[in-house]
Full PDB file with SEQRES, HELIX, SHEET, SSBOND, CRYST1, ORIGX, SCALE, CONECT and MASTER records, all heavy atoms in Angstrom:
SEQRES   1 A   30  LEU PRO SER HIS ASN THR LYS PHE SER GLN LYS LEU ILE          
SEQRES   2 A   30  GLY ASP ARG VAL LEU ASP LEU LYS LEU ASN ARG THR LYS          
SEQRES   3 A   30  ARG ILE PHE ASN                                              
HELIX    1 AA1 THR A    6  PHE A    8  5                                   3    
HELIX    2 AA2 ARG A   16  LEU A   22  1                                   7    
CRYST1    1.000    1.000    1.000  90.00  90.00  90.00 P 1           1          
ORIGX1      1.000000  0.000000  0.000000        0.00000                         
ORIGX2      0.000000  1.000000  0.000000        0.00000                         
ORIGX3      0.000000  0.000000  1.000000        0.00000                         
SCALE1      1.000000  0.000000  0.000000        0.00000                         
SCALE2      0.000000  1.000000  0.000000        0.00000                         
SCALE3      0.000000  0.000000  1.000000        0.00000                         
ATOM      1  N   LEU A   1     -46.646 -25.524  20.011  1.00  0.00           N  
ATOM      2  CA  LEU A   1     -46.409 -24.995  18.672  1.00  0.00           C  
ATOM      3  C   LEU A   1     -46.349 -26.184  17.694  1.00  0.00           C  
ATOM      4  O   LEU A   1     -45.312 -26.823  17.564  1.00  0.00           O  
ATOM      5  CB  LEU A   1     -45.104 -24.202  18.654  1.00  0.00           C  
ATOM      6  CG  LEU A   1     -44.880 -23.203  17.519  1.00  0.00           C  
ATOM      7  CD1 LEU A   1     -43.709 -22.294  17.824  1.00  0.00           C  
ATOM      8  CD2 LEU A   1     -44.674 -23.897  16.182  1.00  0.00           C  
ATOM      9  N   PRO A   2     -47.462 -26.499  17.035  1.00  0.00           N  
ATOM     10  CA  PRO A   2     -47.518 -27.707  16.204  1.00  0.00           C  
ATOM     11  C   PRO A   2     -46.670 -27.653  14.950  1.00  0.00           C  
ATOM     12  O   PRO A   2     -46.129 -28.682  14.528  1.00  0.00           O  
ATOM     13  CB  PRO A   2     -49.014 -27.820  15.861  1.00  0.00           C  
ATOM     14  CG  PRO A   2     -49.512 -26.401  15.906  1.00  0.00           C  
ATOM     15  CD  PRO A   2     -48.754 -25.775  17.051  1.00  0.00           C  
ATOM     16  N   SER A   3     -46.568 -26.468  14.346  1.00  0.00           N  
ATOM     17  CA  SER A   3     -45.873 -26.343  13.058  1.00  0.00           C  
ATOM     18  C   SER A   3     -45.195 -24.987  12.981  1.00  0.00           C  
ATOM     19  O   SER A   3     -45.863 -23.965  12.852  1.00  0.00           O  
ATOM     20  CB  SER A   3     -46.878 -26.491  11.902  1.00  0.00           C  
ATOM     21  OG  SER A   3     -47.603 -27.698  12.032  1.00  0.00           O  
ATOM     22  N   HIS A   4     -43.878 -24.989  13.046  1.00  0.00           N  
ATOM     23  CA  HIS A   4     -43.129 -23.731  13.075  1.00  0.00           C  
ATOM     24  C   HIS A   4     -42.757 -23.310  11.657  1.00  0.00           C  
ATOM     25  O   HIS A   4     -43.048 -23.991  10.684  1.00  0.00           O  
ATOM     26  CB  HIS A   4     -41.870 -23.906  13.918  1.00  0.00           C  
ATOM     27  CG  HIS A   4     -41.427 -22.667  14.627  1.00  0.00           C  
ATOM     28  ND1 HIS A   4     -41.561 -21.404  14.086  1.00  0.00           N  
ATOM     29  CD2 HIS A   4     -40.839 -22.488  15.834  1.00  0.00           C  
ATOM     30  CE1 HIS A   4     -41.082 -20.512  14.933  1.00  0.00           C  
ATOM     31  NE2 HIS A   4     -40.635 -21.151  16.002  1.00  0.00           N  
ATOM     32  N   ASN A   5     -42.104 -22.146  11.560  1.00  0.00           N  
ATOM     33  CA  ASN A   5     -41.544 -21.705  10.280  1.00  0.00           C  
ATOM     34  C   ASN A   5     -40.591 -22.776   9.757  1.00  0.00           C  
ATOM     35  O   ASN A   5     -39.936 -23.476  10.533  1.00  0.00           O  
ATOM     36  CB  ASN A   5     -40.770 -20.399  10.456  1.00  0.00           C  
ATOM     37  CG  ASN A   5     -41.629 -19.275  10.992  1.00  0.00           C  
ATOM     38  OD1 ASN A   5     -41.352 -18.738  12.054  1.00  0.00           O  
ATOM     39  ND2 ASN A   5     -42.670 -18.911  10.245  1.00  0.00           N  
ATOM     40  N   THR A   6     -40.482 -22.870   8.455  1.00  0.00           N  
ATOM     41  CA  THR A   6     -39.597 -23.857   7.841  1.00  0.00           C  
ATOM     42  C   THR A   6     -38.167 -23.718   8.352  1.00  0.00           C  
ATOM     43  O   THR A   6     -37.486 -24.715   8.610  1.00  0.00           O  
ATOM     44  CB  THR A   6     -39.617 -23.700   6.307  1.00  0.00           C  
ATOM     45  OG1 THR A   6     -40.953 -23.931   5.838  1.00  0.00           O  
ATOM     46  CG2 THR A   6     -38.675 -24.694   5.651  1.00  0.00           C  
ATOM     47  N   LYS A   7     -37.703 -22.491   8.545  1.00  0.00           N  
ATOM     48  CA  LYS A   7     -36.325 -22.265   8.999  1.00  0.00           C  
ATOM     49  C   LYS A   7     -36.077 -22.770  10.411  1.00  0.00           C  
ATOM     50  O   LYS A   7     -34.924 -22.999  10.789  1.00  0.00           O  
ATOM     51  CB  LYS A   7     -35.966 -20.779   8.884  1.00  0.00           C  
ATOM     52  CG  LYS A   7     -36.706 -19.868   9.836  1.00  0.00           C  
ATOM     53  CD  LYS A   7     -36.302 -18.404   9.657  1.00  0.00           C  
ATOM     54  CE  LYS A   7     -34.883 -18.167  10.082  1.00  0.00           C  
ATOM     55  NZ  LYS A   7     -34.519 -16.728  10.016  1.00  0.00           N  
ATOM     56  N   PHE A   8     -37.156 -22.953  11.175  1.00  0.00           N  
ATOM     57  CA  PHE A   8     -37.019 -23.473  12.533  1.00  0.00           C  
ATOM     58  C   PHE A   8     -37.543 -24.900  12.656  1.00  0.00           C  
ATOM     59  O   PHE A   8     -37.843 -25.365  13.760  1.00  0.00           O  
ATOM     60  CB  PHE A   8     -37.761 -22.564  13.515  1.00  0.00           C  
ATOM     61  CG  PHE A   8     -37.185 -21.176  13.594  1.00  0.00           C  
ATOM     62  CD1 PHE A   8     -37.972 -20.069  13.316  1.00  0.00           C  
ATOM     63  CD2 PHE A   8     -35.861 -20.977  13.948  1.00  0.00           C  
ATOM     64  CE1 PHE A   8     -37.449 -18.784  13.384  1.00  0.00           C  
ATOM     65  CE2 PHE A   8     -35.324 -19.691  14.014  1.00  0.00           C  
ATOM     66  CZ  PHE A   8     -36.117 -18.602  13.726  1.00  0.00           C  
ATOM     67  N   SER A   9     -37.634 -25.571  11.520  1.00  0.00           N  
ATOM     68  CA  SER A   9     -38.102 -26.961  11.504  1.00  0.00           C  
ATOM     69  C   SER A   9     -37.084 -27.853  10.801  1.00  0.00           C  
ATOM     70  O   SER A   9     -37.438 -28.809  10.113  1.00  0.00           O  
ATOM     71  CB  SER A   9     -39.459 -27.047  10.789  1.00  0.00           C  
ATOM     72  OG  SER A   9     -40.411 -26.211  11.400  1.00  0.00           O  
ATOM     73  N   GLN A  10     -35.801 -27.537  10.984  1.00  0.00           N  
ATOM     74  CA  GLN A  10     -34.735 -28.288  10.333  1.00  0.00           C  
ATOM     75  C   GLN A  10     -34.500 -29.627  11.045  1.00  0.00           C  
ATOM     76  O   GLN A  10     -34.840 -29.801  12.214  1.00  0.00           O  
ATOM     77  CB  GLN A  10     -33.445 -27.466  10.347  1.00  0.00           C  
ATOM     78  CG  GLN A  10     -33.585 -26.106   9.675  1.00  0.00           C  
ATOM     79  CD  GLN A  10     -34.010 -26.216   8.219  1.00  0.00           C  
ATOM     80  OE1 GLN A  10     -33.361 -26.904   7.433  1.00  0.00           O  
ATOM     81  NE2 GLN A  10     -35.102 -25.562   7.859  1.00  0.00           N  
ATOM     82  N   LYS A  11     -33.908 -30.559  10.327  1.00  0.00           N  
ATOM     83  CA  LYS A  11     -33.618 -31.870  10.906  1.00  0.00           C  
ATOM     84  C   LYS A  11     -32.596 -31.731  12.036  1.00  0.00           C  
ATOM     85  O   LYS A  11     -31.688 -30.909  11.972  1.00  0.00           O  
ATOM     86  CB  LYS A  11     -33.084 -32.810   9.833  1.00  0.00           C  
ATOM     87  CG  LYS A  11     -34.122 -33.228   8.808  1.00  0.00           C  
ATOM     88  CD  LYS A  11     -33.531 -34.227   7.826  1.00  0.00           C  
ATOM     89  CE  LYS A  11     -34.590 -34.683   6.818  1.00  0.00           C  
ATOM     90  NZ  LYS A  11     -34.033 -35.661   5.845  1.00  0.00           N  
ATOM     91  N   LEU A  12     -32.774 -32.564  13.046  1.00  0.00           N  
ATOM     92  CA  LEU A  12     -31.825 -32.571  14.154  1.00  0.00           C  
ATOM     93  C   LEU A  12     -30.476 -33.096  13.674  1.00  0.00           C  
ATOM     94  O   LEU A  12     -30.406 -34.051  12.895  1.00  0.00           O  
ATOM     95  CB  LEU A  12     -32.348 -33.453  15.290  1.00  0.00           C  
ATOM     96  CG  LEU A  12     -33.662 -32.999  15.944  1.00  0.00           C  
ATOM     97  CD1 LEU A  12     -34.157 -34.073  16.903  1.00  0.00           C  
ATOM     98  CD2 LEU A  12     -33.470 -31.688  16.665  1.00  0.00           C  
ATOM     99  N   ILE A  13     -29.401 -32.465  14.165  1.00  0.00           N  
ATOM    100  CA  ILE A  13     -28.055 -32.887  13.756  1.00  0.00           C  
ATOM    101  C   ILE A  13     -27.227 -33.389  14.928  1.00  0.00           C  
ATOM    102  O   ILE A  13     -26.082 -33.802  14.747  1.00  0.00           O  
ATOM    103  CB  ILE A  13     -27.315 -31.739  13.045  1.00  0.00           C  
ATOM    104  CG1 ILE A  13     -27.144 -30.538  13.995  1.00  0.00           C  
ATOM    105  CG2 ILE A  13     -28.046 -31.330  11.786  1.00  0.00           C  
ATOM    106  CD1 ILE A  13     -26.282 -29.437  13.398  1.00  0.00           C  
ATOM    107  N   GLY A  14     -27.795 -33.331  16.139  1.00  0.00           N  
ATOM    108  CA  GLY A  14     -27.063 -33.819  17.300  1.00  0.00           C  
ATOM    109  C   GLY A  14     -26.230 -32.770  18.010  1.00  0.00           C  
ATOM    110  O   GLY A  14     -25.578 -33.064  19.015  1.00  0.00           O  
ATOM    111  N   ASP A  15     -26.243 -31.556  17.496  1.00  0.00           N  
ATOM    112  CA  ASP A  15     -25.554 -30.437  18.143  1.00  0.00           C  
ATOM    113  C   ASP A  15     -26.608 -29.659  18.916  1.00  0.00           C  
ATOM    114  O   ASP A  15     -27.452 -29.000  18.313  1.00  0.00           O  
ATOM    115  CB  ASP A  15     -24.892 -29.556  17.093  1.00  0.00           C  
ATOM    116  CG  ASP A  15     -24.093 -28.409  17.694  1.00  0.00           C  
ATOM    117  OD1 ASP A  15     -24.631 -27.697  18.577  1.00  0.00           O  
ATOM    118  OD2 ASP A  15     -22.944 -28.203  17.259  1.00  0.00           O  
ATOM    119  N   ARG A  16     -26.565 -29.714  20.242  1.00  0.00           N  
ATOM    120  CA  ARG A  16     -27.631 -29.136  21.050  1.00  0.00           C  
ATOM    121  C   ARG A  16     -27.817 -27.639  20.790  1.00  0.00           C  
ATOM    122  O   ARG A  16     -28.952 -27.159  20.714  1.00  0.00           O  
ATOM    123  CB  ARG A  16     -27.385 -29.366  22.546  1.00  0.00           C  
ATOM    124  CG  ARG A  16     -28.431 -28.714  23.435  1.00  0.00           C  
ATOM    125  CD  ARG A  16     -28.324 -29.119  24.883  1.00  0.00           C  
ATOM    126  NE  ARG A  16     -29.194 -28.295  25.717  1.00  0.00           N  
ATOM    127  CZ  ARG A  16     -30.503 -28.436  25.812  1.00  0.00           C  
ATOM    128  NH1 ARG A  16     -31.124 -29.349  25.093  1.00  0.00           N  
ATOM    129  NH2 ARG A  16     -31.207 -27.639  26.586  1.00  0.00           N  
ATOM    130  N   VAL A  17     -26.729 -26.916  20.641  1.00  0.00           N  
ATOM    131  CA  VAL A  17     -26.823 -25.464  20.432  1.00  0.00           C  
ATOM    132  C   VAL A  17     -27.515 -25.166  19.109  1.00  0.00           C  
ATOM    133  O   VAL A  17     -28.438 -24.351  19.042  1.00  0.00           O  
ATOM    134  CB  VAL A  17     -25.428 -24.813  20.480  1.00  0.00           C  
ATOM    135  CG1 VAL A  17     -25.532 -23.338  20.129  1.00  0.00           C  
ATOM    136  CG2 VAL A  17     -24.824 -24.985  21.869  1.00  0.00           C  
ATOM    137  N   LEU A  18     -27.077 -25.819  18.046  1.00  0.00           N  
ATOM    138  CA  LEU A  18     -27.681 -25.582  16.736  1.00  0.00           C  
ATOM    139  C   LEU A  18     -29.103 -26.127  16.665  1.00  0.00           C  
ATOM    140  O   LEU A  18     -29.991 -25.498  16.074  1.00  0.00           O  
ATOM    141  CB  LEU A  18     -26.819 -26.212  15.636  1.00  0.00           C  
ATOM    142  CG  LEU A  18     -25.500 -25.510  15.340  1.00  0.00           C  
ATOM    143  CD1 LEU A  18     -24.719 -26.261  14.269  1.00  0.00           C  
ATOM    144  CD2 LEU A  18     -25.738 -24.059  14.910  1.00  0.00           C  
ATOM    145  N   ASP A  19     -29.324 -27.288  17.260  1.00  0.00           N  
ATOM    146  CA  ASP A  19     -30.679 -27.864  17.246  1.00  0.00           C  
ATOM    147  C   ASP A  19     -31.667 -26.967  17.984  1.00  0.00           C  
ATOM    148  O   ASP A  19     -32.823 -26.835  17.563  1.00  0.00           O  
ATOM    149  CB  ASP A  19     -30.665 -29.253  17.891  1.00  0.00           C  
ATOM    150  CG  ASP A  19     -30.045 -30.315  16.991  1.00  0.00           C  
ATOM    151  OD1 ASP A  19     -29.925 -30.065  15.777  1.00  0.00           O  
ATOM    152  OD2 ASP A  19     -29.672 -31.388  17.495  1.00  0.00           O  
ATOM    153  N   LEU A  20     -31.214 -26.334  19.061  1.00  0.00           N  
ATOM    154  CA  LEU A  20     -32.087 -25.438  19.810  1.00  0.00           C  
ATOM    155  C   LEU A  20     -32.507 -24.246  18.959  1.00  0.00           C  
ATOM    156  O   LEU A  20     -33.631 -23.749  19.072  1.00  0.00           O  
ATOM    157  CB  LEU A  20     -31.383 -24.950  21.075  1.00  0.00           C  
ATOM    158  CG  LEU A  20     -32.214 -24.094  22.049  1.00  0.00           C  
ATOM    159  CD1 LEU A  20     -33.357 -24.917  22.637  1.00  0.00           C  
ATOM    160  CD2 LEU A  20     -31.336 -23.527  23.152  1.00  0.00           C  
ATOM    161  N   LYS A  21     -31.616 -23.805  18.074  1.00  0.00           N  
ATOM    162  CA  LYS A  21     -31.901 -22.652  17.217  1.00  0.00           C  
ATOM    163  C   LYS A  21     -32.692 -23.029  15.969  1.00  0.00           C  
ATOM    164  O   LYS A  21     -33.551 -22.270  15.517  1.00  0.00           O  
ATOM    165  CB  LYS A  21     -30.595 -21.967  16.799  1.00  0.00           C  
ATOM    166  CG  LYS A  21     -29.853 -21.277  17.926  1.00  0.00           C  
ATOM    167  CD  LYS A  21     -28.607 -20.592  17.405  1.00  0.00           C  
ATOM    168  CE  LYS A  21     -27.878 -19.836  18.517  1.00  0.00           C  
ATOM    169  NZ  LYS A  21     -26.661 -19.150  18.017  1.00  0.00           N  
ATOM    170  N   LEU A  22     -32.418 -24.197  15.422  1.00  0.00           N  
ATOM    171  CA  LEU A  22     -32.949 -24.541  14.104  1.00  0.00           C  
ATOM    172  C   LEU A  22     -34.084 -25.551  14.116  1.00  0.00           C  
ATOM    173  O   LEU A  22     -34.728 -25.765  13.088  1.00  0.00           O  
ATOM    174  CB  LEU A  22     -31.810 -25.069  13.217  1.00  0.00           C  
ATOM    175  CG  LEU A  22     -30.644 -24.100  13.004  1.00  0.00           C  
ATOM    176  CD1 LEU A  22     -29.563 -24.750  12.157  1.00  0.00           C  
ATOM    177  CD2 LEU A  22     -31.124 -22.794  12.369  1.00  0.00           C  
ATOM    178  N   ASN A  23     -34.339 -26.175  15.256  1.00  0.00           N  
ATOM    179  CA  ASN A  23     -35.457 -27.107  15.344  1.00  0.00           C  
ATOM    180  C   ASN A  23     -36.270 -26.753  16.588  1.00  0.00           C  
ATOM    181  O   ASN A  23     -36.009 -27.228  17.684  1.00  0.00           O  
ATOM    182  CB  ASN A  23     -34.973 -28.558  15.408  1.00  0.00           C  
ATOM    183  CG  ASN A  23     -36.130 -29.538  15.354  1.00  0.00           C  
ATOM    184  OD1 ASN A  23     -36.918 -29.645  16.288  1.00  0.00           O  
ATOM    185  ND2 ASN A  23     -36.251 -30.263  14.253  1.00  0.00           N  
ATOM    186  N   ARG A  24     -37.279 -25.897  16.391  1.00  0.00           N  
ATOM    187  CA  ARG A  24     -38.060 -25.386  17.508  1.00  0.00           C  
ATOM    188  C   ARG A  24     -39.544 -25.769  17.371  1.00  0.00           C  
ATOM    189  O   ARG A  24     -40.387 -25.290  18.119  1.00  0.00           O  
ATOM    190  CB  ARG A  24     -37.913 -23.858  17.588  1.00  0.00           C  
ATOM    191  CG  ARG A  24     -36.471 -23.421  17.745  1.00  0.00           C  
ATOM    192  CD  ARG A  24     -36.316 -21.915  17.751  1.00  0.00           C  
ATOM    193  NE  ARG A  24     -36.945 -21.291  18.890  1.00  0.00           N  
ATOM    194  CZ  ARG A  24     -36.448 -21.267  20.121  1.00  0.00           C  
ATOM    195  NH1 ARG A  24     -35.292 -21.870  20.385  1.00  0.00           N  
ATOM    196  NH2 ARG A  24     -37.086 -20.657  21.096  1.00  0.00           N  
ATOM    197  N   THR A  25     -39.828 -26.614  16.413  1.00  0.00           N  
ATOM    198  CA  THR A  25     -41.215 -26.984  16.156  1.00  0.00           C  
ATOM    199  C   THR A  25     -41.684 -28.090  17.090  1.00  0.00           C  
ATOM    200  O   THR A  25     -40.873 -28.841  17.643  1.00  0.00           O  
ATOM    201  CB  THR A  25     -41.381 -27.424  14.682  1.00  0.00           C  
ATOM    202  OG1 THR A  25     -42.768 -27.522  14.378  1.00  0.00           O  
ATOM    203  CG2 THR A  25     -40.705 -28.759  14.409  1.00  0.00           C  
ATOM    204  N   LYS A  26     -42.986 -28.160  17.310  1.00  0.00           N  
ATOM    205  CA  LYS A  26     -43.653 -29.200  18.100  1.00  0.00           C  
ATOM    206  C   LYS A  26     -43.238 -29.210  19.567  1.00  0.00           C  
ATOM    207  O   LYS A  26     -43.344 -30.220  20.256  1.00  0.00           O  
ATOM    208  CB  LYS A  26     -43.448 -30.577  17.444  1.00  0.00           C  
ATOM    209  CG  LYS A  26     -43.927 -30.584  16.000  1.00  0.00           C  
ATOM    210  CD  LYS A  26     -43.981 -31.957  15.395  1.00  0.00           C  
ATOM    211  CE  LYS A  26     -44.287 -31.875  13.902  1.00  0.00           C  
ATOM    212  NZ  LYS A  26     -45.503 -31.093  13.574  1.00  0.00           N  
ATOM    213  N   ARG A  27     -42.781 -28.048  20.032  1.00  0.00           N  
ATOM    214  CA  ARG A  27     -42.464 -27.888  21.451  1.00  0.00           C  
ATOM    215  C   ARG A  27     -43.601 -27.172  22.168  1.00  0.00           C  
ATOM    216  O   ARG A  27     -44.440 -26.525  21.539  1.00  0.00           O  
ATOM    217  CB  ARG A  27     -41.179 -27.067  21.622  1.00  0.00           C  
ATOM    218  CG  ARG A  27     -39.921 -27.802  21.263  1.00  0.00           C  
ATOM    219  CD  ARG A  27     -38.707 -26.890  21.256  1.00  0.00           C  
ATOM    220  NE  ARG A  27     -38.602 -26.104  22.482  1.00  0.00           N  
ATOM    221  CZ  ARG A  27     -37.715 -25.144  22.678  1.00  0.00           C  
ATOM    222  NH1 ARG A  27     -36.844 -24.850  21.719  1.00  0.00           N  
ATOM    223  NH2 ARG A  27     -37.678 -24.475  23.799  1.00  0.00           N  
ATOM    224  N   ILE A  28     -43.616 -27.287  23.483  1.00  0.00           N  
ATOM    225  CA  ILE A  28     -44.561 -26.541  24.305  1.00  0.00           C  
ATOM    226  C   ILE A  28     -43.796 -25.382  24.931  1.00  0.00           C  
ATOM    227  O   ILE A  28     -42.937 -25.581  25.785  1.00  0.00           O  
ATOM    228  CB  ILE A  28     -45.202 -27.418  25.399  1.00  0.00           C  
ATOM    229  CG1 ILE A  28     -46.020 -28.537  24.751  1.00  0.00           C  
ATOM    230  CG2 ILE A  28     -46.102 -26.568  26.314  1.00  0.00           C  
ATOM    231  CD1 ILE A  28     -46.634 -29.516  25.748  1.00  0.00           C  
ATOM    232  N   PHE A  29     -44.094 -24.175  24.478  1.00  0.00           N  
ATOM    233  CA  PHE A  29     -43.407 -22.984  24.975  1.00  0.00           C  
ATOM    234  C   PHE A  29     -44.187 -22.449  26.175  1.00  0.00           C  
ATOM    235  O   PHE A  29     -45.052 -21.583  26.048  1.00  0.00           O  
ATOM    236  CB  PHE A  29     -43.273 -21.944  23.867  1.00  0.00           C  
ATOM    237  CG  PHE A  29     -42.299 -22.357  22.811  1.00  0.00           C  
ATOM    238  CD1 PHE A  29     -42.708 -23.108  21.714  1.00  0.00           C  
ATOM    239  CD2 PHE A  29     -40.945 -22.032  22.924  1.00  0.00           C  
ATOM    240  CE1 PHE A  29     -41.796 -23.510  20.744  1.00  0.00           C  
ATOM    241  CE2 PHE A  29     -40.017 -22.436  21.961  1.00  0.00           C  
ATOM    242  CZ  PHE A  29     -40.453 -23.179  20.873  1.00  0.00           C  
ATOM    243  N   ASN A  30     -43.838 -23.001  27.348  1.00  0.00           N  
ATOM    244  CA  ASN A  30     -44.588 -22.696  28.557  1.00  0.00           C  
ATOM    245  C   ASN A  30     -43.812 -21.808  29.525  1.00  0.00           C  
ATOM    246  O   ASN A  30     -44.066 -21.809  30.724  1.00  0.00           O  
ATOM    247  CB  ASN A  30     -45.018 -23.991  29.252  1.00  0.00           C  
ATOM    248  CG  ASN A  30     -43.863 -24.968  29.369  1.00  0.00           C  
ATOM    249  OD1 ASN A  30     -42.697 -24.573  29.343  1.00  0.00           O  
ATOM    250  ND2 ASN A  30     -44.160 -26.248  29.484  1.00  0.00           N  
TER     251      ASN A  30                                                      
MASTER        0    0    0    2    0    0    0    6  250    1    0    3          
END                                                                             
């Protein structure tokens, strides 16, 4: 997924739970 919705492309904050929800771009959903 090269470019996700803006709401799921937020900057990482170091909180794994929140980062998993809010930064989902550029991952391989396999």
